[in-house]
Amino acid sequence: MKGDNLWKIATTYFKDGYQWKKIWELNRDKIINPNRLEIGMTLRLR
């Protein structure tokens, strides 16, 4: 979704924005820069 970032996603799904690193680690093959997500990107959350 436009405007999403790892912090927002972690807050939504884990109720803790600091879990953004967990999402990044699970998706390092797709996310080169954790500060920039592509629109339409599908991420693993566990």
PDB file of N, CA and C in Angstrom:
ATOM      1  N   MET A   1       0.845  -1.173   0.000  1.00  0.00           N
ATOM      2  CA  MET A   1       0.000   0.000   0.000  1.00  0.00           C
ATOM      3  C   MET A   1       0.895   1.243   0.000  1.00  0.00           C
ATOM      4  N   LYS A   2       0.518   2.247  -0.756  1.00  0.00           N
ATOM      5  CA  LYS A   2       1.319   3.462  -0.840  1.00  0.00           C
ATOM      6  C   LYS A   2       1.502   4.069   0.551  1.00  0.00           C
ATOM      7  N   GLY A   3       2.749   4.441   0.853  1.00  0.00           N
ATOM      8  CA  GLY A   3       3.050   5.053   2.140  1.00  0.00           C
ATOM      9  C   GLY A   3       3.438   4.066   3.220  1.00  0.00           C
ATOM     10  N   ASP A   4       3.338   2.776   2.914  1.00  0.00           N
ATOM     11  CA  ASP A   4       3.726   1.777   3.911  1.00  0.00           C
ATOM     12  C   ASP A   4       5.237   1.759   4.091  1.00  0.00           C
ATOM     13  N   ASN A   5       5.639   1.436   5.280  1.00  0.00           N
ATOM     14  CA  ASN A   5       7.042   1.220   5.578  1.00  0.00           C
ATOM     15  C   ASN A   5       7.114   0.083   6.594  1.00  0.00           C
ATOM     16  N   LEU A   6       8.302  -0.411   6.851  1.00  0.00           N
ATOM     17  CA  LEU A   6       8.437  -1.572   7.733  1.00  0.00           C
ATOM     18  C   LEU A   6       7.952  -1.275   9.150  1.00  0.00           C
ATOM     19  N   TRP A   7       8.153  -0.061   9.625  1.00  0.00           N
ATOM     20  CA  TRP A   7       7.686   0.308  10.968  1.00  0.00           C
ATOM     21  C   TRP A   7       6.164   0.201  11.055  1.00  0.00           C
ATOM     22  N   LYS A   8       5.464   0.767  10.063  1.00  0.00           N
ATOM     23  CA  LYS A   8       3.993   0.723  10.047  1.00  0.00           C
ATOM     24  C   LYS A   8       3.483  -0.712   9.969  1.00  0.00           C
ATOM     25  N   ILE A   9       4.112  -1.511   9.127  1.00  0.00           N
ATOM     26  CA  ILE A   9       3.691  -2.906   8.969  1.00  0.00           C
ATOM     27  C   ILE A   9       3.910  -3.667  10.271  1.00  0.00           C
ATOM     28  N   ALA A  10       5.056  -3.469  10.909  1.00  0.00           N
ATOM     29  CA  ALA A  10       5.342  -4.140  12.179  1.00  0.00           C
ATOM     30  C   ALA A  10       4.356  -3.705  13.259  1.00  0.00           C
ATOM     31  N   THR A  11       4.005  -2.436  13.279  1.00  0.00           N
ATOM     32  CA  THR A  11       3.037  -1.940  14.256  1.00  0.00           C
ATOM     33  C   THR A  11       1.667  -2.572  14.027  1.00  0.00           C
ATOM     34  N   THR A  12       1.281  -2.698  12.774  1.00  0.00           N
ATOM     35  CA  THR A  12      -0.016  -3.290  12.439  1.00  0.00           C
ATOM     36  C   THR A  12      -0.075  -4.773  12.791  1.00  0.00           C
ATOM     37  N   TYR A  13       0.925  -5.529  12.398  1.00  0.00           N
ATOM     38  CA  TYR A  13       0.871  -6.985  12.542  1.00  0.00           C
ATOM     39  C   TYR A  13       1.425  -7.507  13.858  1.00  0.00           C
ATOM     40  N   PHE A  14       2.416  -6.814  14.424  1.00  0.00           N
ATOM     41  CA  PHE A  14       3.040  -7.279  15.664  1.00  0.00           C
ATOM     42  C   PHE A  14       2.754  -6.366  16.855  1.00  0.00           C
ATOM     43  N   LYS A  15       2.031  -5.266  16.621  1.00  0.00           N
ATOM     44  CA  LYS A  15       1.735  -4.282  17.673  1.00  0.00           C
ATOM     45  C   LYS A  15       3.006  -3.699  18.281  1.00  0.00           C
ATOM     46  N   ASP A  16       4.092  -3.705  17.493  1.00  0.00           N
ATOM     47  CA  ASP A  16       5.386  -3.222  17.972  1.00  0.00           C
ATOM     48  C   ASP A  16       6.232  -2.807  16.766  1.00  0.00           C
ATOM     49  N   GLY A  17       6.366  -1.513  16.561  1.00  0.00           N
ATOM     50  CA  GLY A  17       7.131  -1.014  15.433  1.00  0.00           C
ATOM     51  C   GLY A  17       8.574  -1.463  15.415  1.00  0.00           C
ATOM     52  N   TYR A  18       9.126  -1.737  16.591  1.00  0.00           N
ATOM     53  CA  TYR A  18      10.517  -2.164  16.668  1.00  0.00           C
ATOM     54  C   TYR A  18      10.746  -3.544  16.057  1.00  0.00           C
ATOM     55  N   GLN A  19       9.688  -4.240  15.710  1.00  0.00           N
ATOM     56  CA  GLN A  19       9.810  -5.548  15.063  1.00  0.00           C
ATOM     57  C   GLN A  19      10.064  -5.418  13.558  1.00  0.00           C
ATOM     58  N   TRP A  20      10.257  -4.196  13.071  1.00  0.00           N
ATOM     59  CA  TRP A  20      10.515  -3.994  11.647  1.00  0.00           C
ATOM     60  C   TRP A  20      11.729  -4.778  11.185  1.00  0.00           C
ATOM     61  N   LYS A  21      12.721  -4.935  12.053  1.00  0.00           N
ATOM     62  CA  LYS A  21      13.938  -5.666  11.677  1.00  0.00           C
ATOM     63  C   LYS A  21      13.636  -7.134  11.399  1.00  0.00           C
ATOM     64  N   LYS A  22      12.675  -7.690  12.130  1.00  0.00           N
ATOM     65  CA  LYS A  22      12.258  -9.081  11.908  1.00  0.00           C
ATOM     66  C   LYS A  22      11.707  -9.234  10.483  1.00  0.00           C
ATOM     67  N   ILE A  23      10.875  -8.293  10.062  1.00  0.00           N
ATOM     68  CA  ILE A  23      10.304  -8.336   8.711  1.00  0.00           C
ATOM     69  C   ILE A  23      11.418  -8.189   7.674  1.00  0.00           C
ATOM     70  N   TRP A  24      12.344  -7.291   7.933  1.00  0.00           N
ATOM     71  CA  TRP A  24      13.461  -7.083   7.004  1.00  0.00           C
ATOM     72  C   TRP A  24      14.286  -8.360   6.869  1.00  0.00           C
ATOM     73  N   GLU A  25      14.604  -8.987   7.983  1.00  0.00           N
ATOM     74  CA  GLU A  25      15.393 -10.222   7.946  1.00  0.00           C
ATOM     75  C   GLU A  25      14.688 -11.315   7.149  1.00  0.00           C
ATOM     76  N   LEU A  26      13.377 -11.418   7.300  1.00  0.00           N
ATOM     77  CA  LEU A  26      12.616 -12.442   6.578  1.00  0.00           C
ATOM     78  C   LEU A  26      12.524 -12.157   5.080  1.00  0.00           C
ATOM     79  N   ASN A  27      12.780 -10.924   4.683  1.00  0.00           N
ATOM     80  CA  ASN A  27      12.585 -10.512   3.293  1.00  0.00           C
ATOM     81  C   ASN A  27      13.818  -9.869   2.674  1.00  0.00           C
ATOM     82  N   ARG A  28      14.995 -10.188   3.195  1.00  0.00           N
ATOM     83  CA  ARG A  28      16.224  -9.556   2.692  1.00  0.00           C
ATOM     84  C   ARG A  28      16.468  -9.835   1.220  1.00  0.00           C
ATOM     85  N   ASP A  29      15.902 -10.936   0.729  1.00  0.00           N
ATOM     86  CA  ASP A  29      16.057 -11.244  -0.693  1.00  0.00           C
ATOM     87  C   ASP A  29      15.265 -10.272  -1.571  1.00  0.00           C
ATOM     88  N   LYS A  30      14.274  -9.603  -1.006  1.00  0.00           N
ATOM     89  CA  LYS A  30      13.425  -8.665  -1.751  1.00  0.00           C
ATOM     90  C   LYS A  30      13.706  -7.211  -1.397  1.00  0.00           C
ATOM     91  N   ILE A  31      14.085  -6.963  -0.143  1.00  0.00           N
ATOM     92  CA  ILE A  31      14.255  -5.589   0.342  1.00  0.00           C
ATOM     93  C   ILE A  31      15.739  -5.255   0.400  1.00  0.00           C
ATOM     94  N   ILE A  32      16.187  -4.431  -0.517  1.00  0.00           N
ATOM     95  CA  ILE A  32      17.585  -4.006  -0.525  1.00  0.00           C
ATOM     96  C   ILE A  32      17.782  -2.884   0.488  1.00  0.00           C
ATOM     97  N   ASN A  33      16.870  -1.935   0.475  1.00  0.00           N
ATOM     98  CA  ASN A  33      16.927  -0.786   1.377  1.00  0.00           C
ATOM     99  C   ASN A  33      15.682  -0.827   2.266  1.00  0.00           C
ATOM    100  N   PRO A  34      15.837  -1.036   3.579  1.00  0.00           N
ATOM    101  CA  PRO A  34      14.670  -1.139   4.453  1.00  0.00           C
ATOM    102  C   PRO A  34      13.863   0.152   4.569  1.00  0.00           C
ATOM    103  N   ASN A  35      14.411   1.248   4.073  1.00  0.00           N
ATOM    104  CA  ASN A  35      13.693   2.522   4.101  1.00  0.00           C
ATOM    105  C   ASN A  35      12.859   2.752   2.845  1.00  0.00           C
ATOM    106  N   ARG A  36      12.921   1.799   1.931  1.00  0.00           N
ATOM    107  CA  ARG A  36      12.210   1.982   0.657  1.00  0.00           C
ATOM    108  C   ARG A  36      11.573   0.665   0.228  1.00  0.00           C
ATOM    109  N   LEU A  37      10.247   0.632   0.220  1.00  0.00           N
ATOM    110  CA  LEU A  37       9.509  -0.541  -0.234  1.00  0.00           C
ATOM    111  C   LEU A  37       8.874  -0.231  -1.583  1.00  0.00           C
ATOM    112  N   GLU A  38       8.767  -1.236  -2.411  1.00  0.00           N
ATOM    113  CA  GLU A  38       8.120  -1.085  -3.712  1.00  0.00           C
ATOM    114  C   GLU A  38       6.614  -1.280  -3.558  1.00  0.00           C
ATOM    115  N   ILE A  39       5.833  -0.512  -4.282  1.00  0.00           N
ATOM    116  CA  ILE A  39       4.380  -0.675  -4.274  1.00  0.00           C
ATOM    117  C   ILE A  39       4.046  -2.045  -4.851  1.00  0.00           C
ATOM    118  N   GLY A  40       3.168  -2.770  -4.180  1.00  0.00           N
ATOM    119  CA  GLY A  40       2.745  -4.093  -4.630  1.00  0.00           C
ATOM    120  C   GLY A  40       3.620  -5.228  -4.136  1.00  0.00           C
ATOM    121  N   MET A  41       4.667  -4.902  -3.386  1.00  0.00           N
ATOM    122  CA  MET A  41       5.574  -5.916  -2.865  1.00  0.00           C
ATOM    123  C   MET A  41       4.833  -6.821  -1.882  1.00  0.00           C
ATOM    124  N   THR A  42       5.073  -8.129  -1.962  1.00  0.00           N
ATOM    125  CA  THR A  42       4.501  -9.088  -1.027  1.00  0.00           C
ATOM    126  C   THR A  42       5.596  -9.488  -0.050  1.00  0.00           C
ATOM    127  N   LEU A  43       5.317  -9.357   1.247  1.00  0.00           N
ATOM    128  CA  LEU A  43       6.317  -9.642   2.276  1.00  0.00           C
ATOM    129  C   LEU A  43       5.918 -10.834   3.129  1.00  0.00           C
ATOM    130  N   ARG A  44       6.921 -11.599   3.554  1.00  0.00           N
ATOM    131  CA  ARG A  44       6.706 -12.662   4.541  1.00  0.00           C
ATOM    132  C   ARG A  44       6.727 -12.013   5.920  1.00  0.00           C
ATOM    133  N   LEU A  45       5.833 -12.458   6.793  1.00  0.00           N
ATOM    134  CA  LEU A  45       5.781 -11.911   8.149  1.00  0.00           C
ATOM    135  C   LEU A  45       6.165 -12.944   9.201  1.00  0.00           C
ATOM    136  N   ARG A  46       6.310 -14.186   8.795  1.00  0.00           N
ATOM    137  CA  ARG A  46       6.823 -15.221   9.710  1.00  0.00           C
ATOM    138  C   ARG A  46       7.382 -16.375   8.944  1.00  0.00           C
TER     139      ARG A  46
END
